Amino acid sequence: MRCPHCDKVFPFFTLGLKTKGPQKLCPHCNKTMLLYFNSKVAALWFALLFPLQVFIFKPTVIGWGYNGTLSTGIVAATWLYLSLRLKKPGE
């Protein structure tokens, strides 16, 4: 993810270690930013990931002998991660 203040890149999982809730602290500049779900980006990623899930990922995972729910969970977590964005408070 990229900080909206200092524009530096940092791993997503460092956000959870700093604070709880939607307000997060940048590990570089220590300024507050908000984590939010962008529905427009989510719709675009859903339009791409849903057909891939149905026609490629799920049949492949079932062919390997696993439950199809495994691929659904992985694709859903990826979709959620790709739909999260950071913004400055008050924007």
PDB file of N, CA and C in Angstrom:
ATOM      1  N   MET A   1       0.842  -1.170   0.000  1.00  0.00           N
ATOM      2  CA  MET A   1       0.000   0.000   0.000  1.00  0.00           C
ATOM      3  C   MET A   1       0.891   1.238   0.000  1.00  0.00           C
ATOM      4  N   ARG A   2       0.311   2.355  -0.363  1.00  0.00           N
ATOM      5  CA  ARG A   2       1.062   3.594  -0.483  1.00  0.00           C
ATOM      6  C   ARG A   2       0.445   4.648   0.441  1.00  0.00           C
ATOM      7  N   CYS A   3       1.292   5.316   1.226  1.00  0.00           N
ATOM      8  CA  CYS A   3       0.834   6.353   2.153  1.00  0.00           C
ATOM      9  C   CYS A   3       0.357   7.571   1.364  1.00  0.00           C
ATOM     10  N   PRO A   4      -0.835   8.124   1.695  1.00  0.00           N
ATOM     11  CA  PRO A   4      -1.309   9.309   0.980  1.00  0.00           C
ATOM     12  C   PRO A   4      -0.552  10.584   1.371  1.00  0.00           C
ATOM     13  N   HIS A   5       0.206  10.550   2.471  1.00  0.00           N
ATOM     14  CA  HIS A   5       0.953  11.731   2.916  1.00  0.00           C
ATOM     15  C   HIS A   5       2.356  11.772   2.319  1.00  0.00           C
ATOM     16  N   CYS A   6       3.159  10.752   2.608  1.00  0.00           N
ATOM     17  CA  CYS A   6       4.562  10.748   2.187  1.00  0.00           C
ATOM     18  C   CYS A   6       4.780   9.978   0.887  1.00  0.00           C
ATOM     19  N   ASP A   7       3.758   9.274   0.389  1.00  0.00           N
ATOM     20  CA  ASP A   7       3.803   8.543  -0.877  1.00  0.00           C
ATOM     21  C   ASP A   7       4.814   7.395  -0.875  1.00  0.00           C
ATOM     22  N   LYS A   8       5.148   6.875   0.313  1.00  0.00           N
ATOM     23  CA  LYS A   8       6.057   5.734   0.401  1.00  0.00           C
ATOM     24  C   LYS A   8       5.249   4.439   0.469  1.00  0.00           C
ATOM     25  N   VAL A   9       5.827   3.381  -0.065  1.00  0.00           N
ATOM     26  CA  VAL A   9       5.167   2.076  -0.111  1.00  0.00           C
ATOM     27  C   VAL A   9       5.563   1.265   1.117  1.00  0.00           C
ATOM     28  N   PHE A  10       4.586   0.535   1.688  1.00  0.00           N
ATOM     29  CA  PHE A  10       4.839  -0.337   2.829  1.00  0.00           C
ATOM     30  C   PHE A  10       3.898  -1.530   2.743  1.00  0.00           C
ATOM     31  N   PRO A  11       4.239  -2.643   3.394  1.00  0.00           N
ATOM     32  CA  PRO A  11       3.386  -3.830   3.346  1.00  0.00           C
ATOM     33  C   PRO A  11       2.042  -3.596   4.040  1.00  0.00           C
ATOM     34  N   PHE A  12       0.998  -4.194   3.514  1.00  0.00           N
ATOM     35  CA  PHE A  12      -0.349  -4.045   4.064  1.00  0.00           C
ATOM     36  C   PHE A  12      -0.433  -4.531   5.504  1.00  0.00           C
ATOM     37  N   PHE A  13       0.243  -5.623   5.826  1.00  0.00           N
ATOM     38  CA  PHE A  13       0.090  -6.240   7.135  1.00  0.00           C
ATOM     39  C   PHE A  13       0.753  -5.447   8.252  1.00  0.00           C
ATOM     40  N   THR A  14       1.591  -4.450   7.957  1.00  0.00           N
ATOM     41  CA  THR A  14       2.143  -3.604   9.015  1.00  0.00           C
ATOM     42  C   THR A  14       1.084  -2.662   9.568  1.00  0.00           C
ATOM     43  N   LEU A  15       0.007  -2.431   8.817  1.00  0.00           N
ATOM     44  CA  LEU A  15      -1.060  -1.550   9.297  1.00  0.00           C
ATOM     45  C   LEU A  15      -1.766  -2.139  10.509  1.00  0.00           C
ATOM     46  N   GLY A  16      -2.003  -3.426  10.501  1.00  0.00           N
ATOM     47  CA  GLY A  16      -2.724  -4.068  11.594  1.00  0.00           C
ATOM     48  C   GLY A  16      -1.955  -4.081  12.894  1.00  0.00           C
ATOM     49  N   LEU A  17      -0.656  -3.993  12.826  1.00  0.00           N
ATOM     50  CA  LEU A  17       0.156  -4.036  14.033  1.00  0.00           C
ATOM     51  C   LEU A  17       0.202  -2.698  14.751  1.00  0.00           C
ATOM     52  N   LYS A  18      -0.047  -1.601  14.048  1.00  0.00           N
ATOM     53  CA  LYS A  18       0.075  -0.271  14.645  1.00  0.00           C
ATOM     54  C   LYS A  18      -1.169   0.126  15.443  1.00  0.00           C
ATOM     55  N   THR A  19      -2.340   0.078  14.836  1.00  0.00           N
ATOM     56  CA  THR A  19      -3.574   0.545  15.475  1.00  0.00           C
ATOM     57  C   THR A  19      -4.740  -0.351  15.089  1.00  0.00           C
ATOM     58  N   LYS A  20      -5.832  -0.226  15.831  1.00  0.00           N
ATOM     59  CA  LYS A  20      -7.061  -0.950  15.520  1.00  0.00           C
ATOM     60  C   LYS A  20      -8.062   0.028  14.920  1.00  0.00           C
ATOM     61  N   GLY A  21      -9.008  -0.497  14.174  1.00  0.00           N
ATOM     62  CA  GLY A  21     -10.030   0.336  13.571  1.00  0.00           C
ATOM     63  C   GLY A  21      -9.608   0.865  12.216  1.00  0.00           C
ATOM     64  N   PRO A  22     -10.436   1.755  11.635  1.00  0.00           N
ATOM     65  CA  PRO A  22     -10.138   2.246  10.285  1.00  0.00           C
ATOM     66  C   PRO A  22      -8.987   3.249  10.228  1.00  0.00           C
ATOM     67  N   GLN A  23      -8.664   3.915  11.355  1.00  0.00           N
ATOM     68  CA  GLN A  23      -7.551   4.867  11.347  1.00  0.00           C
ATOM     69  C   GLN A  23      -6.241   4.125  11.558  1.00  0.00           C
ATOM     70  N   LYS A  24      -5.299   4.366  10.671  1.00  0.00           N
ATOM     71  CA  LYS A  24      -3.996   3.702  10.712  1.00  0.00           C
ATOM     72  C   LYS A  24      -2.893   4.745  10.744  1.00  0.00           C
ATOM     73  N   LEU A  25      -1.708   4.341  11.166  1.00  0.00           N
ATOM     74  CA  LEU A  25      -0.538   5.213  11.177  1.00  0.00           C
ATOM     75  C   LEU A  25       0.460   4.735  10.134  1.00  0.00           C
ATOM     76  N   CYS A  26       1.018   5.685   9.413  1.00  0.00           N
ATOM     77  CA  CYS A  26       2.054   5.357   8.437  1.00  0.00           C
ATOM     78  C   CYS A  26       3.322   4.976   9.194  1.00  0.00           C
ATOM     79  N   PRO A  27       3.982   3.877   8.837  1.00  0.00           N
ATOM     80  CA  PRO A  27       5.211   3.493   9.527  1.00  0.00           C
ATOM     81  C   PRO A  27       6.387   4.420   9.214  1.00  0.00           C
ATOM     82  N   HIS A  28       6.281   5.242   8.168  1.00  0.00           N
ATOM     83  CA  HIS A  28       7.375   6.136   7.793  1.00  0.00           C
ATOM     84  C   HIS A  28       7.211   7.529   8.399  1.00  0.00           C
ATOM     85  N   CYS A  29       6.039   8.164   8.189  1.00  0.00           N
ATOM     86  CA  CYS A  29       5.850   9.550   8.634  1.00  0.00           C
ATOM     87  C   CYS A  29       4.989   9.659   9.889  1.00  0.00           C
ATOM     88  N   ASN A  30       4.408   8.556  10.363  1.00  0.00           N
ATOM     89  CA  ASN A  30       3.561   8.505  11.559  1.00  0.00           C
ATOM     90  C   ASN A  30       2.360   9.442  11.491  1.00  0.00           C
ATOM     91  N   LYS A  31       1.838   9.692  10.300  1.00  0.00           N
ATOM     92  CA  LYS A  31       0.626  10.489  10.144  1.00  0.00           C
ATOM     93  C   LYS A  31      -0.568   9.547  10.019  1.00  0.00           C
ATOM     94  N   THR A  32      -1.728  10.049  10.419  1.00  0.00           N
ATOM     95  CA  THR A  32      -2.949   9.245  10.403  1.00  0.00           C
ATOM     96  C   THR A  32      -3.522   9.166   8.989  1.00  0.00           C
ATOM     97  N   MET A  33      -4.017   7.993   8.646  1.00  0.00           N
ATOM     98  CA  MET A  33      -4.703   7.789   7.378  1.00  0.00           C
ATOM     99  C   MET A  33      -5.873   6.844   7.619  1.00  0.00           C
ATOM    100  N   LEU A  34      -6.836   6.875   6.732  1.00  0.00           N
ATOM    101  CA  LEU A  34      -8.028   6.047   6.868  1.00  0.00           C
ATOM    102  C   LEU A  34      -7.999   4.910   5.857  1.00  0.00           C
ATOM    103  N   LEU A  35      -8.323   3.726   6.318  1.00  0.00           N
ATOM    104  CA  LEU A  35      -8.449   2.554   5.463  1.00  0.00           C
ATOM    105  C   LEU A  35      -9.928   2.404   5.129  1.00  0.00           C
ATOM    106  N   TYR A  36     -10.261   2.366   3.841  1.00  0.00           N
ATOM    107  CA  TYR A  36     -11.662   2.255   3.459  1.00  0.00           C
ATOM    108  C   TYR A  36     -11.818   1.303   2.278  1.00  0.00           C
ATOM    109  N   PHE A  37     -13.031   0.846   2.090  1.00  0.00           N
ATOM    110  CA  PHE A  37     -13.386  -0.078   1.015  1.00  0.00           C
ATOM    111  C   PHE A  37     -13.885   0.739  -0.168  1.00  0.00           C
ATOM    112  N   ASN A  38     -13.200   0.673  -1.291  1.00  0.00           N
ATOM    113  CA  ASN A  38     -13.582   1.415  -2.487  1.00  0.00           C
ATOM    114  C   ASN A  38     -14.489   0.532  -3.342  1.00  0.00           C
ATOM    115  N   SER A  39     -15.768   0.886  -3.402  1.00  0.00           N
ATOM    116  CA  SER A  39     -16.738   0.031  -4.093  1.00  0.00           C
ATOM    117  C   SER A  39     -16.555   0.039  -5.613  1.00  0.00           C
ATOM    118  N   LYS A  40     -16.069   1.134  -6.190  1.00  0.00           N
ATOM    119  CA  LYS A  40     -15.841   1.166  -7.639  1.00  0.00           C
ATOM    120  C   LYS A  40     -14.707   0.219  -8.031  1.00  0.00           C
ATOM    121  N   VAL A  41     -13.633   0.263  -7.275  1.00  0.00           N
ATOM    122  CA  VAL A  41     -12.509  -0.641  -7.529  1.00  0.00           C
ATOM    123  C   VAL A  41     -12.942  -2.083  -7.271  1.00  0.00           C
ATOM    124  N   ALA A  42     -13.757  -2.284  -6.236  1.00  0.00           N
ATOM    125  CA  ALA A  42     -14.241  -3.627  -5.916  1.00  0.00           C
ATOM    126  C   ALA A  42     -15.079  -4.194  -7.061  1.00  0.00           C
ATOM    127  N   ALA A  43     -15.914  -3.355  -7.663  1.00  0.00           N
ATOM    128  CA  ALA A  43     -16.738  -3.820  -8.783  1.00  0.00           C
ATOM    129  C   ALA A  43     -15.873  -4.219  -9.979  1.00  0.00           C
ATOM    130  N   LEU A  44     -14.823  -3.446 -10.236  1.00  0.00           N
ATOM    131  CA  LEU A  44     -13.926  -3.789 -11.344  1.00  0.00           C
ATOM    132  C   LEU A  44     -13.190  -5.101 -11.088  1.00  0.00           C
ATOM    133  N   TRP A  45     -12.665  -5.264  -9.875  1.00  0.00           N
ATOM    134  CA  TRP A  45     -11.954  -6.502  -9.549  1.00  0.00           C
ATOM    135  C   TRP A  45     -12.911  -7.690  -9.531  1.00  0.00           C
ATOM    136  N   PHE A  46     -14.158  -7.471  -9.081  1.00  0.00           N
ATOM    137  CA  PHE A  46     -15.136  -8.557  -9.069  1.00  0.00           C
ATOM    138  C   PHE A  46     -15.427  -9.020 -10.496  1.00  0.00           C
ATOM    139  N   ALA A  47     -15.559  -8.055 -11.411  1.00  0.00           N
ATOM    140  CA  ALA A  47     -15.830  -8.400 -12.809  1.00  0.00           C
ATOM    141  C   ALA A  47     -14.692  -9.220 -13.415  1.00  0.00           C
ATOM    142  N   LEU A  48     -13.481  -9.026 -12.932  1.00  0.00           N
ATOM    143  CA  LEU A  48     -12.344  -9.798 -13.432  1.00  0.00           C
ATOM    144  C   LEU A  48     -12.198 -11.137 -12.708  1.00  0.00           C
ATOM    145  N   LEU A  49     -12.312 -11.110 -11.378  1.00  0.00           N
ATOM    146  CA  LEU A  49     -12.026 -12.309 -10.589  1.00  0.00           C
ATOM    147  C   LEU A  49     -13.149 -13.348 -10.605  1.00  0.00           C
ATOM    148  N   PHE A  50     -14.403 -12.923 -10.728  1.00  0.00           N
ATOM    149  CA  PHE A  50     -15.507 -13.886 -10.693  1.00  0.00           C
ATOM    150  C   PHE A  50     -15.437 -14.897 -11.845  1.00  0.00           C
ATOM    151  N   PRO A  51     -15.268 -14.455 -13.094  1.00  0.00           N
ATOM    152  CA  PRO A  51     -15.146 -15.461 -14.168  1.00  0.00           C
ATOM    153  C   PRO A  51     -13.906 -16.342 -14.018  1.00  0.00           C
ATOM    154  N   LEU A  52     -12.805 -15.754 -13.561  1.00  0.00           N
ATOM    155  CA  LEU A  52     -11.607 -16.564 -13.334  1.00  0.00           C
ATOM    156  C   LEU A  52     -11.864 -17.628 -12.272  1.00  0.00           C
ATOM    157  N   GLN A  53     -12.591 -17.242 -11.224  1.00  0.00           N
ATOM    158  CA  GLN A  53     -12.909 -18.176 -10.146  1.00  0.00           C
ATOM    159  C   GLN A  53     -13.768 -19.323 -10.661  1.00  0.00           C
ATOM    160  N   VAL A  54     -14.816 -18.983 -11.385  1.00  0.00           N
ATOM    161  CA  VAL A  54     -15.781 -19.993 -11.825  1.00  0.00           C
ATOM    162  C   VAL A  54     -15.195 -20.938 -12.880  1.00  0.00           C
ATOM    163  N   PHE A  55     -14.441 -20.388 -13.823  1.00  0.00           N
ATOM    164  CA  PHE A  55     -14.011 -21.200 -14.969  1.00  0.00           C
ATOM    165  C   PHE A  55     -12.583 -21.733 -14.882  1.00  0.00           C
ATOM    166  N   ILE A  56     -11.745 -21.146 -14.034  1.00  0.00           N
ATOM    167  CA  ILE A  56     -10.344 -21.590 -13.989  1.00  0.00           C
ATOM    168  C   ILE A  56      -9.941 -22.087 -12.600  1.00  0.00           C
ATOM    169  N   PHE A  57     -10.035 -21.213 -11.581  1.00  0.00           N
ATOM    170  CA  PHE A  57      -9.505 -21.559 -10.259  1.00  0.00           C
ATOM    171  C   PHE A  57     -10.253 -22.716  -9.600  1.00  0.00           C
ATOM    172  N   LYS A  58     -11.578 -22.619  -9.550  1.00  0.00           N
ATOM    173  CA  LYS A  58     -12.356 -23.653  -8.858  1.00  0.00           C
ATOM    174  C   LYS A  58     -12.217 -25.025  -9.523  1.00  0.00           C
ATOM    175  N   PRO A  59     -12.358 -25.141 -10.848  1.00  0.00           N
ATOM    176  CA  PRO A  59     -12.158 -26.467 -11.459  1.00  0.00           C
ATOM    177  C   PRO A  59     -10.747 -27.019 -11.254  1.00  0.00           C
ATOM    178  N   THR A  60      -9.754 -26.140 -11.245  1.00  0.00           N
ATOM    179  CA  THR A  60      -8.379 -26.591 -11.028  1.00  0.00           C
ATOM    180  C   THR A  60      -8.206 -27.148  -9.623  1.00  0.00           C
ATOM    181  N   VAL A  61      -8.731 -26.436  -8.630  1.00  0.00           N
ATOM    182  CA  VAL A  61      -8.609 -26.879  -7.236  1.00  0.00           C
ATOM    183  C   VAL A  61      -9.383 -28.180  -7.024  1.00  0.00           C
ATOM    184  N   ILE A  62     -10.554 -28.297  -7.615  1.00  0.00           N
ATOM    185  CA  ILE A  62     -11.331 -29.535  -7.504  1.00  0.00           C
ATOM    186  C   ILE A  62     -10.589 -30.681  -8.194  1.00  0.00           C
ATOM    187  N   GLY A  63      -9.945 -30.391  -9.318  1.00  0.00           N
ATOM    188  CA  GLY A  63      -9.151 -31.405 -10.014  1.00  0.00           C
ATOM    189  C   GLY A  63      -7.974 -31.899  -9.188  1.00  0.00           C
ATOM    190  N   TRP A  64      -7.443 -31.049  -8.320  1.00  0.00           N
ATOM    191  CA  TRP A  64      -6.348 -31.441  -7.428  1.00  0.00           C
ATOM    192  C   TRP A  64      -6.844 -32.269  -6.249  1.00  0.00           C
ATOM    193  N   GLY A  65      -8.173 -32.371  -6.094  1.00  0.00           N
ATOM    194  CA  GLY A  65      -8.729 -33.179  -5.021  1.00  0.00           C
ATOM    195  C   GLY A  65      -9.125 -32.394  -3.782  1.00  0.00           C
ATOM    196  N   TYR A  66      -9.103 -31.066  -3.853  1.00  0.00           N
ATOM    197  CA  TYR A  66      -9.508 -30.235  -2.720  1.00  0.00           C
ATOM    198  C   TYR A  66     -10.930 -29.746  -2.919  1.00  0.00           C
ATOM    199  N   ASN A  67     -11.498 -29.190  -1.858  1.00  0.00           N
ATOM    200  CA  ASN A  67     -12.837 -28.630  -1.910  1.00  0.00           C
ATOM    201  C   ASN A  67     -12.801 -27.306  -2.677  1.00  0.00           C
ATOM    202  N   GLY A  68     -13.826 -27.023  -3.465  1.00  0.00           N
ATOM    203  CA  GLY A  68     -13.889 -25.781  -4.233  1.00  0.00           C
ATOM    204  C   GLY A  68     -14.019 -24.548  -3.369  1.00  0.00           C
ATOM    205  N   THR A  69     -14.441 -24.735  -2.116  1.00  0.00           N
ATOM    206  CA  THR A  69     -14.570 -23.605  -1.202  1.00  0.00           C
ATOM    207  C   THR A  69     -13.215 -22.982  -0.895  1.00  0.00           C
ATOM    208  N   LEU A  70     -12.171 -23.762  -0.950  1.00  0.00           N
ATOM    209  CA  LEU A  70     -10.823 -23.248  -0.715  1.00  0.00           C
ATOM    210  C   LEU A  70     -10.474 -22.160  -1.726  1.00  0.00           C
ATOM    211  N   SER A  71     -10.714 -22.416  -2.990  1.00  0.00           N
ATOM    212  CA  SER A  71     -10.398 -21.408  -4.003  1.00  0.00           C
ATOM    213  C   SER A  71     -11.312 -20.197  -3.880  1.00  0.00           C
ATOM    214  N   THR A  72     -12.567 -20.408  -3.486  1.00  0.00           N
ATOM    215  CA  THR A  72     -13.481 -19.288  -3.288  1.00  0.00           C
ATOM    216  C   THR A  72     -12.984 -18.385  -2.168  1.00  0.00           C
ATOM    217  N   GLY A  73     -12.517 -18.963  -1.083  1.00  0.00           N
ATOM    218  CA  GLY A  73     -11.988 -18.174   0.027  1.00  0.00           C
ATOM    219  C   GLY A  73     -10.740 -17.401  -0.346  1.00  0.00           C
ATOM    220  N   ILE A  74      -9.861 -18.030  -1.098  1.00  0.00           N
ATOM    221  CA  ILE A  74      -8.631 -17.349  -1.523  1.00  0.00           C
ATOM    222  C   ILE A  74      -8.955 -16.194  -2.467  1.00  0.00           C
ATOM    223  N   VAL A  75      -9.857 -16.415  -3.402  1.00  0.00           N
ATOM    224  CA  VAL A  75     -10.236 -15.352  -4.337  1.00  0.00           C
ATOM    225  C   VAL A  75     -10.971 -14.231  -3.607  1.00  0.00           C
ATOM    226  N   ALA A  76     -11.831 -14.558  -2.641  1.00  0.00           N
ATOM    227  CA  ALA A  76     -12.548 -13.530  -1.882  1.00  0.00           C
ATOM    228  C   ALA A  76     -11.587 -12.683  -1.049  1.00  0.00           C
ATOM    229  N   ALA A  77     -10.603 -13.305  -0.419  1.00  0.00           N
ATOM    230  CA  ALA A  77      -9.617 -12.550   0.361  1.00  0.00           C
ATOM    231  C   ALA A  77      -8.774 -11.660  -0.548  1.00  0.00           C
ATOM    232  N   THR A  78      -8.411 -12.158  -1.711  1.00  0.00           N
ATOM    233  CA  THR A  78      -7.658 -11.355  -2.679  1.00  0.00           C
ATOM    234  C   THR A  78      -8.489 -10.176  -3.156  1.00  0.00           C
ATOM    235  N   TRP A  79      -9.757 -10.405  -3.443  1.00  0.00           N
ATOM    236  CA  TRP A  79     -10.668  -9.342  -3.878  1.00  0.00           C
ATOM    237  C   TRP A  79     -10.794  -8.264  -2.810  1.00  0.00           C
ATOM    238  N   LEU A  80     -10.942  -8.665  -1.555  1.00  0.00           N
ATOM    239  CA  LEU A  80     -11.055  -7.694  -0.471  1.00  0.00           C
ATOM    240  C   LEU A  80      -9.776  -6.881  -0.335  1.00  0.00           C
ATOM    241  N   TYR A  81      -8.630  -7.542  -0.373  1.00  0.00           N
ATOM    242  CA  TYR A  81      -7.346  -6.847  -0.257  1.00  0.00           C
ATOM    243  C   TYR A  81      -7.156  -5.837  -1.391  1.00  0.00           C
ATOM    244  N   LEU A  82      -7.505  -6.223  -2.609  1.00  0.00           N
ATOM    245  CA  LEU A  82      -7.333  -5.329  -3.752  1.00  0.00           C
ATOM    246  C   LEU A  82      -8.315  -4.164  -3.741  1.00  0.00           C
ATOM    247  N   SER A  83      -9.407  -4.273  -2.980  1.00  0.00           N
ATOM    248  CA  SER A  83     -10.425  -3.227  -2.930  1.00  0.00           C
ATOM    249  C   SER A  83     -10.193  -2.216  -1.814  1.00  0.00           C
ATOM    250  N   LEU A  84      -9.257  -2.473  -0.924  1.00  0.00           N
ATOM    251  CA  LEU A  84      -8.987  -1.544   0.169  1.00  0.00           C
ATOM    252  C   LEU A  84      -8.058  -0.433  -0.302  1.00  0.00           C
ATOM    253  N   ARG A  85      -8.337   0.783   0.160  1.00  0.00           N
ATOM    254  CA  ARG A  85      -7.539   1.946  -0.195  1.00  0.00           C
ATOM    255  C   ARG A  85      -7.263   2.773   1.052  1.00  0.00           C
ATOM    256  N   LEU A  86      -6.272   3.639   0.962  1.00  0.00           N
ATOM    257  CA  LEU A  86      -5.926   4.566   2.034  1.00  0.00           C
ATOM    258  C   LEU A  86      -6.203   5.989   1.575  1.00  0.00           C
ATOM    259  N   LYS A  87      -6.665   6.831   2.503  1.00  0.00           N
ATOM    260  CA  LYS A  87      -6.862   8.240   2.187  1.00  0.00           C
ATOM    261  C   LYS A  87      -6.548   9.083   3.413  1.00  0.00           C
ATOM    262  N   LYS A  88      -6.329  10.369   3.192  1.00  0.00           N
ATOM    263  CA  LYS A  88      -6.084  11.298   4.285  1.00  0.00           C
ATOM    264  C   LYS A  88      -7.389  11.530   5.029  1.00  0.00           C
ATOM    265  N   PRO A  89      -7.345  11.716   6.350  1.00  0.00           N
ATOM    266  CA  PRO A  89      -8.575  12.006   7.089  1.00  0.00           C
ATOM    267  C   PRO A  89      -9.197  13.315   6.600  1.00  0.00           C
ATOM    268  N   GLY A  90     -10.495  13.328   6.451  1.00  0.00           N
ATOM    269  CA  GLY A  90     -11.202  14.517   6.016  1.00  0.00           C
ATOM    270  C   GLY A  90     -11.406  14.604   4.514  1.00  0.00           C
ATOM    271  N   GLU A  91     -10.897  13.665   3.754  1.00  0.00           N
ATOM    272  CA  GLU A  91     -11.096  13.681   2.294  1.00  0.00           C
ATOM    273  C   GLU A  91     -12.405  13.039   1.931  1.00  0.00           C
TER     274      GLU A  91
END
